Amino acid sequence: MNRITQPGPQGTWVIPEGREMEAAQRLAAFETARQRLTERQWELAGRMEELKAQGKQKTAQFREAFGEKLTIQNLLQLWETYGVR
């Protein structure tokens, strides 16, 4: 990935002149991805609750949903570690 931002003074970041639109588009893409991942977390939690209510915690469906939920959770937690909220 080619960075758009450059380190500035006192821990700030600078966007080079002429690259503002590119930076805004990249930020928008990230925000869309993060929103979709958060929504998917809720979908998976609901699906897992349905399966649990049916006593299907040991099924492949449940385990796949659980694995996907953990993967998304780890990714969101990694972003949170770097202050990306």
Protein backbone atom coordinates (compact mmCIF):
# COMPACT_ATOMS: atom_id res chain seq x y z
CA MET A 1 0.00 0.00 0.00
CA ASN A 2 1.32 3.42 -0.87
CA ARG A 3 0.78 5.86 1.97
CA ILE A 4 -0.95 9.13 1.31
CA THR A 5 -0.36 10.65 4.73
CA GLN A 6 3.03 11.76 5.94
CA PRO A 7 4.19 12.25 9.53
CA GLY A 8 3.87 15.82 10.69
CA PRO A 9 5.00 17.69 13.79
CA GLN A 10 4.11 16.44 17.27
CA GLY A 11 2.49 13.18 16.20
CA THR A 12 0.18 14.70 13.61
CA TRP A 13 -0.30 13.65 10.00
CA VAL A 14 -0.16 15.71 6.84
CA ILE A 15 -1.90 15.12 3.51
CA PRO A 16 0.22 16.43 0.62
CA GLU A 17 -1.40 19.13 -1.46
CA GLY A 18 -3.35 17.70 -4.36
CA ARG A 19 -3.97 14.32 -2.68
CA GLU A 20 -6.88 15.41 -0.48
CA MET A 21 -9.53 13.72 -2.64
CA GLU A 22 -7.57 10.47 -2.77
CA ALA A 23 -7.20 10.55 1.02
CA ALA A 24 -10.92 11.24 1.48
CA GLN A 25 -11.83 8.37 -0.84
CA ARG A 26 -9.56 5.97 1.02
CA LEU A 27 -11.02 7.07 4.34
CA ALA A 28 -14.55 6.61 3.00
CA ALA A 29 -13.69 3.11 1.79
CA PHE A 30 -12.30 2.25 5.20
CA GLU A 31 -15.37 3.63 6.98
CA THR A 32 -17.64 1.62 4.70
CA ALA A 33 -15.64 -1.55 5.36
CA ARG A 34 -15.67 -1.01 9.11
CA GLN A 35 -19.41 -0.35 9.11
CA ARG A 36 -20.05 -3.51 7.09
CA LEU A 37 -17.88 -5.61 9.41
CA THR A 38 -19.73 -4.27 12.45
CA GLU A 39 -23.09 -5.05 10.82
CA ARG A 40 -21.86 -8.54 9.95
CA GLN A 41 -20.92 -9.07 13.61
CA TRP A 42 -24.53 -8.42 14.60
CA GLU A 43 -25.84 -10.70 11.82
CA LEU A 44 -23.57 -13.53 12.95
CA ALA A 45 -24.51 -13.07 16.61
CA GLY A 46 -28.19 -13.31 15.69
CA ARG A 47 -27.63 -16.39 13.54
CA MET A 48 -25.63 -18.06 16.30
CA GLU A 49 -28.40 -17.34 18.82
CA GLU A 50 -30.94 -18.95 16.47
CA LEU A 51 -28.78 -22.04 16.10
CA LYS A 52 -28.13 -22.16 19.84
CA ALA A 53 -31.88 -22.02 20.54
CA GLN A 54 -32.27 -25.04 18.25
CA GLY A 55 -29.49 -26.91 20.07
CA LYS A 56 -27.20 -26.78 17.04
CA GLN A 57 -24.03 -25.48 18.67
CA LYS A 58 -21.98 -28.38 17.31
CA THR A 59 -23.02 -28.01 13.68
CA ALA A 60 -20.76 -26.86 10.87
CA GLN A 61 -23.01 -23.80 10.38
CA PHE A 62 -22.54 -22.70 13.97
CA ARG A 63 -18.80 -23.30 13.91
CA GLU A 64 -18.36 -21.42 10.64
CA ALA A 65 -20.35 -18.47 12.00
CA PHE A 66 -18.31 -18.55 15.20
CA GLY A 67 -15.03 -18.59 13.25
CA GLU A 68 -16.11 -15.68 11.06
CA LYS A 69 -17.27 -13.73 14.11
CA LEU A 70 -13.90 -14.25 15.82
CA THR A 71 -12.00 -13.23 12.69
CA ILE A 72 -13.98 -10.00 12.39
CA GLN A 73 -13.64 -9.34 16.12
CA ASN A 74 -9.85 -9.73 15.91
CA LEU A 75 -9.63 -7.39 12.93
CA LEU A 76 -11.74 -4.72 14.63
CA GLN A 77 -9.68 -5.11 17.80
CA LEU A 78 -6.46 -4.69 15.83
CA TRP A 79 -7.76 -1.47 14.29
CA GLU A 80 -8.83 -0.29 17.75
CA THR A 81 -5.29 -0.95 19.03
CA TYR A 82 -4.00 1.54 16.45
CA GLY A 83 -6.67 4.10 17.34
CA VAL A 84 -8.77 3.47 14.24
CA ARG A 85 -12.36 3.71 15.45
